[in-house]
Amino acid sequence: MQGKFRFDYDYAEDSLFMYNEKKKSGGSVELGELVIDLDRAGNVAALEISGASKYLSELTGRKLSRAQLKKMDEAAITVNAKKGTIIIKIFLPIENEKVPATIAVQNMNYNSPALAHA
């Protein structure tokens, strides 16, 4: 799945909310600073990142400031489900460049055959 996600960035809280306007959340998974909203089919509908400038700086290997995040209003995102993992790639538009940030999380809808035999 690929699409453009809108950005809402709270400069004071350094909190970034990215959402697909065409998707509706059916539930959320919280993983530390990251909250992933999934629709009823298990597709990513939204992402929220607390401490976004530090979190994204660590993911990209580039120092990202709150001022840079405040300027963004959308990003391209790809989501690929691989067996037990969801791979989310965010392409951040920074200084005329698409800076990639990759997040891998457990696919909550995946039933492992190994665990079924345990």
N, C-alpha and C. Protein backbone atom coordinates (compact mmCIF):
# COMPACT_ATOMS: atom_id res chain seq x y z
N MET A 1 0.84 -1.17 0.00
CA MET A 1 0.00 0.00 0.00
C MET A 1 0.89 1.24 0.00
N GLN A 2 0.49 2.19 -0.77
CA GLN A 2 1.25 3.43 -0.85
C GLN A 2 0.26 4.58 -0.86
N GLY A 3 0.66 5.70 -0.30
CA GLY A 3 -0.24 6.84 -0.33
C GLY A 3 0.36 8.05 0.34
N LYS A 4 -0.36 9.14 0.19
CA LYS A 4 0.05 10.37 0.82
C LYS A 4 -0.68 10.50 2.14
N PHE A 5 0.06 10.81 3.15
CA PHE A 5 -0.52 10.99 4.47
C PHE A 5 -0.38 12.46 4.84
N ARG A 6 -1.40 13.02 5.41
CA ARG A 6 -1.38 14.39 5.90
C ARG A 6 -0.60 14.43 7.21
N PHE A 7 -0.06 15.60 7.51
CA PHE A 7 0.71 15.81 8.74
C PHE A 7 0.00 16.81 9.63
N ASP A 8 -0.05 16.52 10.89
CA ASP A 8 -0.38 17.50 11.92
C ASP A 8 0.77 17.43 12.92
N TYR A 9 1.46 18.53 13.08
CA TYR A 9 2.61 18.56 13.98
C TYR A 9 2.37 19.58 15.08
N ASP A 10 2.50 19.14 16.33
CA ASP A 10 2.40 20.01 17.49
C ASP A 10 3.82 20.37 17.90
N TYR A 11 4.21 21.60 17.57
CA TYR A 11 5.57 22.08 17.82
C TYR A 11 5.91 22.04 19.31
N ALA A 12 5.01 22.53 20.16
CA ALA A 12 5.27 22.61 21.60
C ALA A 12 5.48 21.22 22.22
N GLU A 13 4.69 20.25 21.78
CA GLU A 13 4.78 18.89 22.33
C GLU A 13 5.72 17.99 21.54
N ASP A 14 6.19 18.46 20.37
CA ASP A 14 7.03 17.67 19.47
C ASP A 14 6.34 16.34 19.16
N SER A 15 5.05 16.45 18.82
CA SER A 15 4.23 15.28 18.51
C SER A 15 3.76 15.37 17.07
N LEU A 16 3.98 14.29 16.32
CA LEU A 16 3.63 14.25 14.90
C LEU A 16 2.53 13.24 14.68
N PHE A 17 1.47 13.66 14.00
CA PHE A 17 0.36 12.78 13.66
C PHE A 17 0.24 12.75 12.15
N MET A 18 0.38 11.57 11.56
CA MET A 18 0.26 11.38 10.11
C MET A 18 -0.95 10.50 9.87
N TYR A 19 -1.80 10.90 8.93
CA TYR A 19 -3.02 10.14 8.72
C TYR A 19 -3.43 10.15 7.25
N ASN A 20 -4.08 9.07 6.86
CA ASN A 20 -4.64 8.94 5.53
C ASN A 20 -6.10 9.34 5.64
N GLU A 21 -6.48 10.41 4.95
CA GLU A 21 -7.83 10.94 5.05
C GLU A 21 -8.89 9.95 4.57
N LYS A 22 -8.49 8.96 3.79
CA LYS A 22 -9.44 8.00 3.24
C LYS A 22 -9.66 6.78 4.13
N LYS A 23 -8.90 6.67 5.20
CA LYS A 23 -9.00 5.51 6.08
C LYS A 23 -9.55 5.90 7.44
N LYS A 24 -10.27 4.98 8.07
CA LYS A 24 -10.83 5.20 9.39
C LYS A 24 -10.24 4.20 10.38
N SER A 25 -9.82 4.67 11.52
CA SER A 25 -9.20 3.81 12.52
C SER A 25 -10.21 2.82 13.10
N GLY A 26 -9.77 1.57 13.20
CA GLY A 26 -10.56 0.54 13.85
C GLY A 26 -9.93 0.09 15.16
N GLY A 27 -8.75 0.63 15.48
CA GLY A 27 -8.05 0.28 16.70
C GLY A 27 -6.61 0.74 16.63
N SER A 28 -5.94 0.76 17.77
CA SER A 28 -4.58 1.28 17.85
C SER A 28 -3.66 0.29 18.54
N VAL A 29 -2.38 0.39 18.17
CA VAL A 29 -1.32 -0.37 18.82
C VAL A 29 -0.28 0.65 19.28
N GLU A 30 0.08 0.63 20.57
CA GLU A 30 1.07 1.56 21.11
C GLU A 30 2.38 0.83 21.34
N LEU A 31 3.46 1.41 20.78
CA LEU A 31 4.80 0.84 20.91
C LEU A 31 5.75 1.95 21.33
N GLY A 32 5.81 2.23 22.61
CA GLY A 32 6.66 3.32 23.09
C GLY A 32 6.17 4.66 22.59
N GLU A 33 7.04 5.37 21.86
CA GLU A 33 6.69 6.69 21.33
C GLU A 33 5.79 6.61 20.11
N LEU A 34 5.56 5.43 19.59
CA LEU A 34 4.82 5.24 18.35
C LEU A 34 3.45 4.64 18.62
N VAL A 35 2.41 5.26 18.03
CA VAL A 35 1.06 4.70 18.07
C VAL A 35 0.63 4.50 16.62
N ILE A 36 0.21 3.28 16.30
CA ILE A 36 -0.24 2.97 14.94
C ILE A 36 -1.73 2.70 14.98
N ASP A 37 -2.49 3.44 14.18
CA ASP A 37 -3.92 3.20 14.03
C ASP A 37 -4.13 2.32 12.80
N LEU A 38 -4.89 1.26 12.98
CA LEU A 38 -5.19 0.34 11.88
C LEU A 38 -6.67 0.39 11.56
N ASP A 39 -7.01 0.25 10.28
CA ASP A 39 -8.42 0.15 9.93
C ASP A 39 -8.88 -1.28 10.21
N ARG A 40 -10.14 -1.58 9.96
CA ARG A 40 -10.68 -2.91 10.29
C ARG A 40 -10.03 -4.03 9.48
N ALA A 41 -9.45 -3.69 8.32
CA ALA A 41 -8.78 -4.69 7.49
C ALA A 41 -7.31 -4.88 7.89
N GLY A 42 -6.83 -4.12 8.88
CA GLY A 42 -5.44 -4.24 9.33
C GLY A 42 -4.48 -3.34 8.60
N ASN A 43 -4.99 -2.42 7.77
CA ASN A 43 -4.14 -1.46 7.06
C ASN A 43 -3.83 -0.26 7.94
N VAL A 44 -2.67 0.33 7.75
CA VAL A 44 -2.28 1.50 8.54
C VAL A 44 -3.13 2.70 8.11
N ALA A 45 -3.86 3.27 9.07
CA ALA A 45 -4.70 4.45 8.83
C ALA A 45 -4.01 5.71 9.32
N ALA A 46 -3.19 5.58 10.37
CA ALA A 46 -2.52 6.75 10.94
C ALA A 46 -1.34 6.31 11.80
N LEU A 47 -0.41 7.25 12.00
CA LEU A 47 0.73 7.05 12.90
C LEU A 47 0.85 8.29 13.77
N GLU A 48 1.16 8.09 15.02
CA GLU A 48 1.46 9.21 15.90
C GLU A 48 2.81 8.95 16.56
N ILE A 49 3.68 9.96 16.51
CA ILE A 49 5.02 9.83 17.09
C ILE A 49 5.22 10.92 18.12
N SER A 50 5.44 10.52 19.38
CA SER A 50 5.78 11.47 20.45
C SER A 50 7.30 11.67 20.41
N GLY A 51 7.75 12.88 20.72
CA GLY A 51 9.18 13.15 20.63
C GLY A 51 9.67 12.96 19.21
N ALA A 52 8.89 13.46 18.26
CA ALA A 52 9.09 13.17 16.83
C ALA A 52 10.45 13.59 16.30
N SER A 53 10.96 14.75 16.68
CA SER A 53 12.24 15.20 16.12
C SER A 53 13.36 14.25 16.51
N LYS A 54 13.39 13.81 17.75
CA LYS A 54 14.43 12.86 18.20
C LYS A 54 14.21 11.48 17.58
N TYR A 55 12.97 11.00 17.60
CA TYR A 55 12.64 9.67 17.07
C TYR A 55 13.00 9.58 15.59
N LEU A 56 12.59 10.57 14.80
CA LEU A 56 12.87 10.54 13.37
C LEU A 56 14.34 10.81 13.06
N SER A 57 15.01 11.58 13.90
CA SER A 57 16.45 11.78 13.73
C SER A 57 17.19 10.46 13.89
N GLU A 58 16.78 9.66 14.87
CA GLU A 58 17.40 8.36 15.09
C GLU A 58 17.12 7.40 13.92
N LEU A 59 15.90 7.44 13.38
CA LEU A 59 15.55 6.55 12.27
C LEU A 59 16.26 6.92 10.97
N THR A 60 16.42 8.21 10.72
CA THR A 60 17.01 8.66 9.45
C THR A 60 18.51 8.83 9.50
N GLY A 61 19.07 8.98 10.69
CA GLY A 61 20.50 9.26 10.81
C GLY A 61 20.83 10.71 10.49
N ARG A 62 19.80 11.55 10.44
CA ARG A 62 19.96 12.99 10.19
C ARG A 62 19.33 13.77 11.32
N LYS A 63 19.96 14.86 11.68
CA LYS A 63 19.40 15.72 12.72
C LYS A 63 18.20 16.46 12.15
N LEU A 64 17.01 16.14 12.66
CA LEU A 64 15.78 16.80 12.23
C LEU A 64 15.29 17.71 13.35
N SER A 65 15.02 18.94 13.01
CA SER A 65 14.59 19.91 14.02
C SER A 65 13.07 20.02 14.05
N ARG A 66 12.58 20.57 15.12
CA ARG A 66 11.15 20.86 15.22
C ARG A 66 10.72 21.83 14.12
N ALA A 67 11.58 22.78 13.80
CA ALA A 67 11.26 23.76 12.75
C ALA A 67 11.07 23.06 11.40
N GLN A 68 11.91 22.07 11.10
CA GLN A 68 11.78 21.32 9.84
C GLN A 68 10.47 20.53 9.81
N LEU A 69 10.13 19.90 10.92
CA LEU A 69 8.89 19.13 10.98
C LEU A 69 7.67 20.04 10.88
N LYS A 70 7.76 21.23 11.44
CA LYS A 70 6.65 22.17 11.41
C LYS A 70 6.32 22.60 9.97
N LYS A 71 7.31 22.64 9.09
CA LYS A 71 7.12 23.06 7.71
C LYS A 71 6.42 22.00 6.85
N MET A 72 6.44 20.73 7.27
CA MET A 72 5.87 19.65 6.46
C MET A 72 4.36 19.62 6.58
N ASP A 73 3.69 19.30 5.47
CA ASP A 73 2.25 19.13 5.53
C ASP A 73 1.79 17.78 4.96
N GLU A 74 2.70 17.04 4.34
CA GLU A 74 2.38 15.70 3.89
C GLU A 74 3.67 14.92 3.65
N ALA A 75 3.52 13.59 3.61
CA ALA A 75 4.66 12.72 3.32
C ALA A 75 4.15 11.52 2.55
N ALA A 76 5.02 10.93 1.76
CA ALA A 76 4.68 9.69 1.08
C ALA A 76 5.01 8.55 2.03
N ILE A 77 4.13 7.58 2.10
CA ILE A 77 4.33 6.44 2.99
C ILE A 77 4.01 5.17 2.21
N THR A 78 4.88 4.17 2.38
CA THR A 78 4.59 2.84 1.86
C THR A 78 4.48 1.89 3.03
N VAL A 79 3.56 0.94 2.92
CA VAL A 79 3.37 -0.05 3.97
C VAL A 79 3.34 -1.41 3.31
N ASN A 80 4.21 -2.31 3.77
CA ASN A 80 4.27 -3.67 3.24
C ASN A 80 4.12 -4.65 4.40
N ALA A 81 3.19 -5.58 4.27
CA ALA A 81 3.01 -6.62 5.28
C ALA A 81 3.77 -7.85 4.83
N LYS A 82 4.68 -8.31 5.66
CA LYS A 82 5.47 -9.52 5.41
C LYS A 82 5.20 -10.47 6.57
N LYS A 83 4.58 -11.58 6.30
CA LYS A 83 4.26 -12.57 7.34
C LYS A 83 4.01 -11.90 8.69
N GLY A 84 4.96 -11.93 9.59
CA GLY A 84 4.76 -11.41 10.94
C GLY A 84 5.19 -9.98 11.14
N THR A 85 5.51 -9.24 10.07
CA THR A 85 6.04 -7.89 10.21
C THR A 85 5.33 -6.91 9.27
N ILE A 86 5.09 -5.72 9.76
CA ILE A 86 4.62 -4.62 8.92
C ILE A 86 5.78 -3.66 8.79
N ILE A 87 6.17 -3.35 7.55
CA ILE A 87 7.28 -2.44 7.29
C ILE A 87 6.69 -1.13 6.78
N ILE A 88 6.92 -0.07 7.53
CA ILE A 88 6.40 1.26 7.19
C ILE A 88 7.59 2.13 6.79
N LYS A 89 7.55 2.66 5.56
CA LYS A 89 8.58 3.58 5.10
C LYS A 89 7.94 4.95 4.93
N ILE A 90 8.49 5.92 5.64
CA ILE A 90 8.03 7.30 5.55
C ILE A 90 9.08 8.07 4.76
N PHE A 91 8.65 8.79 3.75
CA PHE A 91 9.56 9.62 2.97
C PHE A 91 9.28 11.08 3.32
N LEU A 92 10.15 11.65 4.15
CA LEU A 92 9.97 13.00 4.67
C LEU A 92 10.51 14.04 3.70
N PRO A 93 9.68 15.00 3.30
CA PRO A 93 10.16 16.05 2.39
C PRO A 93 10.96 17.11 3.15
N ILE A 94 12.29 16.98 3.11
CA ILE A 94 13.17 17.88 3.85
C ILE A 94 14.19 18.47 2.88
N GLU A 95 14.20 19.80 2.81
CA GLU A 95 15.17 20.52 1.98
C GLU A 95 15.28 19.93 0.58
N ASN A 96 14.16 19.87 -0.14
CA ASN A 96 14.10 19.38 -1.52
C ASN A 96 14.58 17.94 -1.68
N GLU A 97 14.45 17.16 -0.65
CA GLU A 97 14.89 15.76 -0.66
C GLU A 97 13.82 14.92 0.01
N LYS A 98 13.67 13.67 -0.40
CA LYS A 98 12.76 12.73 0.26
C LYS A 98 13.60 11.85 1.18
N VAL A 99 13.63 12.17 2.46
CA VAL A 99 14.45 11.46 3.43
C VAL A 99 13.65 10.26 3.96
N PRO A 100 14.18 9.02 3.76
CA PRO A 100 13.44 7.85 4.21
C PRO A 100 13.65 7.55 5.70
N ALA A 101 12.56 7.12 6.33
CA ALA A 101 12.59 6.63 7.71
C ALA A 101 11.81 5.32 7.70
N THR A 102 12.43 4.24 8.17
CA THR A 102 11.80 2.92 8.12
C THR A 102 11.47 2.43 9.53
N ILE A 103 10.24 1.95 9.68
CA ILE A 103 9.75 1.42 10.95
C ILE A 103 9.25 0.00 10.68
N ALA A 104 9.68 -0.95 11.47
CA ALA A 104 9.19 -2.33 11.35
C ALA A 104 8.53 -2.71 12.67
N VAL A 105 7.29 -3.21 12.57
CA VAL A 105 6.55 -3.61 13.77
C VAL A 105 5.90 -4.97 13.52
N GLN A 106 5.53 -5.61 14.60
CA GLN A 106 4.88 -6.91 14.50
C GLN A 106 3.50 -6.75 13.87
N ASN A 107 3.16 -7.64 12.94
CA ASN A 107 1.84 -7.67 12.33
C ASN A 107 0.90 -8.41 13.28
N MET A 108 0.00 -7.66 13.89
CA MET A 108 -0.89 -8.24 14.90
C MET A 108 -1.91 -9.23 14.30
N ASN A 109 -2.12 -9.17 12.99
CA ASN A 109 -3.09 -10.06 12.33
C ASN A 109 -2.46 -11.37 11.85
N TYR A 110 -1.15 -11.53 12.05
CA TYR A 110 -0.45 -12.71 11.55
C TYR A 110 -0.47 -13.81 12.60
N ASN A 111 -0.91 -15.00 12.21
CA ASN A 111 -0.90 -16.17 13.10
C ASN A 111 0.29 -17.03 12.72
N SER A 112 1.28 -17.05 13.57
CA SER A 112 2.50 -17.79 13.30
C SER A 112 2.23 -19.30 13.35
N PRO A 113 2.64 -20.03 12.31
CA PRO A 113 2.49 -21.49 12.36
C PRO A 113 3.37 -22.10 13.45
N ALA A 114 4.48 -21.47 13.76
CA ALA A 114 5.37 -22.00 14.80
C ALA A 114 4.68 -21.93 16.17
N LEU A 115 3.96 -20.84 16.42
CA LEU A 115 3.27 -20.70 17.71
C LEU A 115 2.04 -21.61 17.77
N ALA A 116 1.46 -21.93 16.64
CA ALA A 116 0.28 -22.80 16.61
C ALA A 116 0.62 -24.21 17.09
N HIS A 117 1.89 -24.62 16.92
CA HIS A 117 2.32 -25.96 17.32
C HIS A 117 2.96 -25.99 18.70
N ALA A 118 3.04 -24.84 19.34
CA ALA A 118 3.71 -24.79 20.65
C ALA A 118 2.78 -25.27 21.75
